Amino acid sequence: MAGAVTLSSMLDTFNVLLYAADPPEGEGPWWGVGIDISKCIGCGLCARACKVENQVPQEPFYYRTWVEQYTILKDGTTKVESPNGGIDGFDQSVEEKDIFKTFFVPKMCNHCAKSPCTQVCPVGATFESPDGVALVDDKYCIGCSYCVQACPYGCRYIHPEKKTADKCTLCYHRIKRGLDPACMEICPTGSRIYGDLNDKDSDLVRYLKENVTRILKPHLNTGAKLFYNALSQEVS
């Protein structure tokens, strides 16, 4: 019994450490995201739905979310491809005999609690909402691109028409109405989830407890709230 108690305490500590930043004091949700790479089939529906829902420019270099294909070759090298953000799906460009393993990795804003993009904005246009979503107020944004350069995950761009910074908002306009983000609603395999990190019964907290998850670039201490399951070491 004592061993079980000790193990339970260790797991509780481990689960606390999974959160890259402590949630703010007070009541209310603190949103985070989980992606199960083992379930992603690279269909690209998430990226397509995001463009439609959020009026993202159709040109093949503007994305709020996208999918990358990682192919690990038998010689140890890694090939990363994301044609048109994965919207049109993928054709394997490497001969099967040369492949050790291959998998898909969806990318999006990590909604960091200590976001570099927020810290460098000279006018306060980029900010974190009280419930933990990184947003941009385009009425204040001057299009300086500092935030685009500061984001270590490549999740921002300057909108070609608005001339202001744009990025994933976790479909904030939807979740405030109790709807799922477009990319998650359309995912056919349920590889994407979001939830309240303050709610111990939420799908996201349960996902974190049931899986060994990782964040991207943990050494940067950004307080990322995008948690990956089955994340291979080749992914950056």
Protein backbone atom coordinates (compact mmCIF):
# COMPACT_ATOMS: atom_id res chain seq x y z
CA MET A 1 0.00 0.00 0.00
CA ALA A 2 2.81 2.40 0.87
CA GLY A 3 4.37 1.77 -2.54
CA ALA A 4 1.07 2.51 -4.23
CA VAL A 5 0.76 5.79 -2.33
CA THR A 6 4.30 6.78 -3.30
CA LEU A 7 3.67 5.92 -6.96
CA SER A 8 0.44 7.91 -6.89
CA SER A 9 2.26 10.92 -5.47
CA MET A 10 4.93 10.65 -8.14
CA LEU A 11 2.31 10.49 -10.88
CA ASP A 12 0.49 13.50 -9.44
CA THR A 13 3.77 15.44 -9.48
CA PHE A 14 4.47 14.27 -13.02
CA ASN A 15 1.05 15.40 -14.21
CA VAL A 16 1.57 18.82 -12.64
CA LEU A 17 4.90 19.08 -14.47
CA LEU A 18 3.14 18.32 -17.74
CA TYR A 19 1.71 21.81 -17.62
CA ALA A 20 4.35 24.12 -19.00
CA ALA A 21 2.97 27.02 -16.95
CA ASP A 22 0.76 27.39 -13.91
CA PRO A 23 -2.82 28.46 -14.62
CA PRO A 24 -3.79 31.90 -13.34
CA GLU A 25 -5.54 32.21 -10.01
CA GLY A 26 -9.30 32.48 -9.98
CA GLU A 27 -12.16 30.65 -11.59
CA GLY A 28 -12.94 30.08 -15.24
CA PRO A 29 -11.45 28.01 -18.05
CA TRP A 30 -7.82 28.00 -19.13
CA TRP A 31 -7.77 26.50 -22.59
CA GLY A 32 -5.17 24.08 -23.90
CA VAL A 33 -4.86 21.70 -26.84
CA GLY A 34 -3.90 18.06 -27.29
CA ILE A 35 -2.86 16.32 -30.51
CA ASP A 36 -2.49 12.55 -30.78
CA ILE A 37 -0.04 11.98 -33.61
CA SER A 38 -0.79 8.27 -33.67
CA LYS A 39 -4.33 9.10 -34.84
CA CYS A 40 -3.51 11.68 -37.53
CA ILE A 41 -3.95 10.30 -41.06
CA GLY A 42 -2.77 13.39 -42.92
CA CYS A 43 -6.10 14.07 -44.61
CA GLY A 44 -5.66 17.86 -44.34
CA LEU A 45 -9.31 18.49 -43.51
CA CYS A 46 -8.27 20.47 -40.44
CA ALA A 47 -6.22 22.96 -42.46
CA ARG A 48 -8.96 23.26 -45.08
CA ALA A 49 -11.70 23.84 -42.50
CA CYS A 50 -9.57 26.45 -40.76
CA LYS A 51 -9.12 28.45 -43.96
CA VAL A 52 -12.85 28.43 -44.65
CA GLU A 53 -13.92 29.23 -41.09
CA ASN A 54 -11.42 32.02 -40.53
CA GLN A 55 -11.14 33.51 -44.03
CA VAL A 56 -7.45 32.65 -44.24
CA PRO A 57 -5.99 33.64 -47.63
CA GLN A 58 -6.07 30.75 -50.09
CA GLU A 59 -2.49 31.18 -51.28
CA PRO A 60 -0.37 28.14 -50.31
CA PHE A 61 1.77 29.92 -47.73
CA TYR A 62 -0.81 31.35 -45.32
CA TYR A 63 -2.02 28.99 -42.61
CA ARG A 64 -3.36 29.11 -39.11
CA THR A 65 -2.91 25.36 -38.91
CA TRP A 66 -1.16 22.93 -41.20
CA VAL A 67 0.07 19.33 -41.33
CA GLU A 68 3.63 18.11 -41.88
CA GLN A 69 4.67 14.67 -43.06
CA TYR A 70 7.80 13.27 -41.43
CA THR A 71 9.57 10.45 -43.22
CA ILE A 72 12.44 8.82 -41.37
CA LEU A 73 14.72 7.04 -43.82
CA LYS A 74 16.67 3.90 -43.08
CA ASP A 75 19.91 5.85 -43.40
CA GLY A 76 18.84 7.97 -40.42
CA THR A 77 17.94 11.14 -42.31
CA THR A 78 14.59 12.88 -41.96
CA LYS A 79 12.49 14.37 -44.73
CA VAL A 80 9.76 16.87 -43.82
CA GLU A 81 7.10 17.87 -46.35
CA SER A 82 3.95 19.96 -46.17
CA PRO A 83 2.66 20.65 -49.70
CA ASN A 84 0.02 23.38 -49.49
CA GLY A 85 -0.08 22.88 -45.74
CA GLY A 86 -1.38 19.35 -46.24
CA ILE A 87 -4.76 20.61 -47.40
CA ASP A 88 -4.72 18.37 -50.49
CA GLY A 89 -3.36 15.35 -48.66
CA PHE A 90 0.01 13.74 -49.23
CA ASP A 91 1.79 11.63 -51.81
CA GLN A 92 4.84 9.81 -50.48
CA SER A 93 7.92 11.06 -52.34
CA VAL A 94 10.28 8.43 -50.89
CA GLU A 95 10.43 4.86 -52.13
CA GLU A 96 8.96 2.42 -49.64
CA LYS A 97 12.14 0.36 -49.52
CA ASP A 98 14.02 3.38 -48.10
CA ILE A 99 11.49 4.23 -45.37
CA PHE A 100 12.02 3.33 -41.72
CA LYS A 101 8.85 5.05 -40.54
CA THR A 102 6.55 7.89 -41.52
CA PHE A 103 3.91 9.90 -39.67
CA PHE A 104 1.96 13.18 -39.75
CA VAL A 105 2.26 16.09 -37.35
CA PRO A 106 -0.39 18.82 -37.22
CA LYS A 107 0.97 22.24 -36.27
CA MET A 108 -0.82 25.30 -34.90
CA CYS A 109 -0.37 28.09 -32.36
CA ASN A 110 0.82 26.70 -29.03
CA HIS A 111 -1.12 29.38 -27.10
CA CYS A 112 1.85 29.92 -24.84
CA ALA A 113 1.38 31.28 -21.34
CA LYS A 114 4.73 33.08 -21.66
CA SER A 115 4.55 33.81 -25.34
CA PRO A 116 7.52 35.52 -27.02
CA CYS A 117 5.15 37.08 -29.54
CA THR A 118 3.27 38.91 -26.80
CA GLN A 119 6.47 40.13 -25.18
CA VAL A 120 7.86 41.76 -28.33
CA CYS A 121 4.69 43.50 -29.57
CA PRO A 122 5.42 47.25 -29.28
CA VAL A 123 1.76 48.33 -29.17
CA GLY A 124 0.07 45.57 -27.17
CA ALA A 125 -1.90 44.30 -30.15
CA THR A 126 -0.96 40.71 -29.44
CA PHE A 127 -2.19 39.52 -26.05
CA GLU A 128 -3.40 36.56 -24.02
CA SER A 129 -7.07 36.40 -23.14
CA PRO A 130 -8.02 35.73 -19.49
CA ASP A 131 -8.86 32.14 -20.49
CA GLY A 132 -5.45 31.47 -22.02
CA VAL A 133 -5.89 32.04 -25.76
CA ALA A 134 -3.28 34.04 -27.65
CA LEU A 135 -5.05 36.65 -29.78
CA VAL A 136 -4.31 39.64 -32.01
CA ASP A 137 -6.32 42.87 -32.00
CA ASP A 138 -5.97 44.01 -35.60
CA LYS A 139 -7.30 47.46 -34.71
CA TYR A 140 -4.02 48.10 -32.88
CA CYS A 141 -1.63 45.94 -34.91
CA ILE A 142 0.79 48.01 -37.01
CA GLY A 143 2.09 45.05 -39.05
CA CYS A 144 5.67 45.39 -37.84
CA SER A 145 6.23 41.60 -37.98
CA TYR A 146 8.08 41.49 -34.65
CA CYS A 147 5.68 38.82 -33.39
CA VAL A 148 6.06 36.80 -36.59
CA GLN A 149 9.81 36.72 -36.10
CA ALA A 150 9.55 36.01 -32.37
CA CYS A 151 7.24 32.98 -32.63
CA PRO A 152 9.50 29.91 -32.33
CA TYR A 153 6.83 27.68 -33.86
CA GLY A 154 6.30 29.54 -37.14
CA CYS A 155 2.62 30.07 -36.40
CA ARG A 156 2.16 33.70 -37.48
CA TYR A 157 2.04 35.59 -40.74
CA ILE A 158 1.16 39.06 -41.99
CA HIS A 159 -2.22 39.03 -43.70
CA PRO A 160 -1.67 40.19 -47.30
CA GLU A 161 -4.80 42.36 -47.37
CA LYS A 162 -5.19 43.55 -43.79
CA LYS A 163 -1.42 44.07 -43.37
CA THR A 164 -1.75 42.92 -39.76
CA ALA A 165 -0.53 39.82 -37.92
CA ASP A 166 -2.74 36.78 -38.16
CA LYS A 167 -2.67 33.37 -36.46
CA CYS A 168 -4.74 30.58 -34.93
CA THR A 169 -7.23 31.87 -32.37
CA LEU A 170 -8.47 28.41 -31.36
CA CYS A 171 -11.61 29.60 -33.13
CA TYR A 172 -12.25 31.85 -30.15
CA HIS A 173 -15.48 33.07 -31.70
CA ARG A 174 -16.70 29.47 -31.64
CA ILE A 175 -15.54 28.27 -28.24
CA LYS A 176 -17.08 31.33 -26.58
CA ARG A 177 -20.41 30.04 -27.93
CA GLY A 178 -19.77 26.49 -26.74
CA LEU A 179 -18.74 25.19 -30.17
CA ASP A 180 -15.62 23.22 -31.00
CA PRO A 181 -12.85 24.81 -33.08
CA ALA A 182 -13.38 24.08 -36.77
CA CYS A 183 -10.25 21.95 -37.11
CA MET A 184 -11.33 19.73 -34.24
CA GLU A 185 -14.93 19.44 -35.25
CA ILE A 186 -13.98 18.14 -38.69
CA CYS A 187 -11.15 15.76 -37.69
CA PRO A 188 -12.35 12.26 -38.72
CA THR A 189 -10.13 10.41 -36.24
CA GLY A 190 -10.40 12.62 -33.17
CA SER A 191 -6.66 13.31 -33.18
CA ARG A 192 -7.23 16.87 -31.96
CA ILE A 193 -8.86 17.86 -28.69
CA TYR A 194 -9.04 21.00 -26.62
CA GLY A 195 -10.20 21.55 -23.10
CA ASP A 196 -10.05 23.40 -19.83
CA LEU A 197 -6.80 22.75 -17.97
CA ASN A 198 -8.52 23.97 -14.80
CA ASP A 199 -11.20 21.26 -15.04
CA LYS A 200 -9.89 17.93 -13.77
CA ASP A 201 -12.76 16.17 -15.56
CA SER A 202 -12.19 17.78 -18.96
CA ASP A 203 -11.25 15.67 -21.97
CA LEU A 204 -7.89 17.42 -22.19
CA VAL A 205 -6.89 16.78 -18.57
CA ARG A 206 -7.94 13.15 -18.93
CA TYR A 207 -5.87 12.93 -22.11
CA LEU A 208 -2.83 14.30 -20.27
CA LYS A 209 -3.26 11.81 -17.45
CA GLU A 210 -3.66 8.84 -19.78
CA ASN A 211 -0.77 9.65 -22.15
CA VAL A 212 2.87 10.61 -21.95
CA THR A 213 2.81 13.94 -23.75
CA ARG A 214 5.44 16.43 -24.85
CA ILE A 215 5.51 20.04 -25.96
CA LEU A 216 7.60 21.43 -28.79
CA LYS A 217 10.87 23.21 -27.92
CA PRO A 218 10.49 22.85 -24.12
CA HIS A 219 13.93 24.43 -23.60
CA LEU A 220 12.52 27.79 -24.68
CA ASN A 221 10.23 27.92 -21.63
CA THR A 222 7.35 29.50 -23.53
CA GLY A 223 4.63 27.94 -21.40
CA ALA A 224 3.26 26.13 -24.45
CA LYS A 225 -0.21 24.64 -23.99
CA LEU A 226 -0.16 22.37 -27.06
CA PHE A 227 0.52 18.83 -25.87
CA TYR A 228 1.50 16.05 -28.28
CA ASN A 229 1.12 12.33 -27.74
CA ALA A 230 3.48 9.96 -29.62
CA LEU A 231 5.78 12.86 -30.54
CA SER A 232 8.94 11.50 -32.14
CA GLN A 233 12.30 13.06 -31.33
CA GLU A 234 12.75 14.14 -34.97
CA VAL A 235 9.93 16.68 -34.69
CA SER A 236 10.88 20.26 -33.96
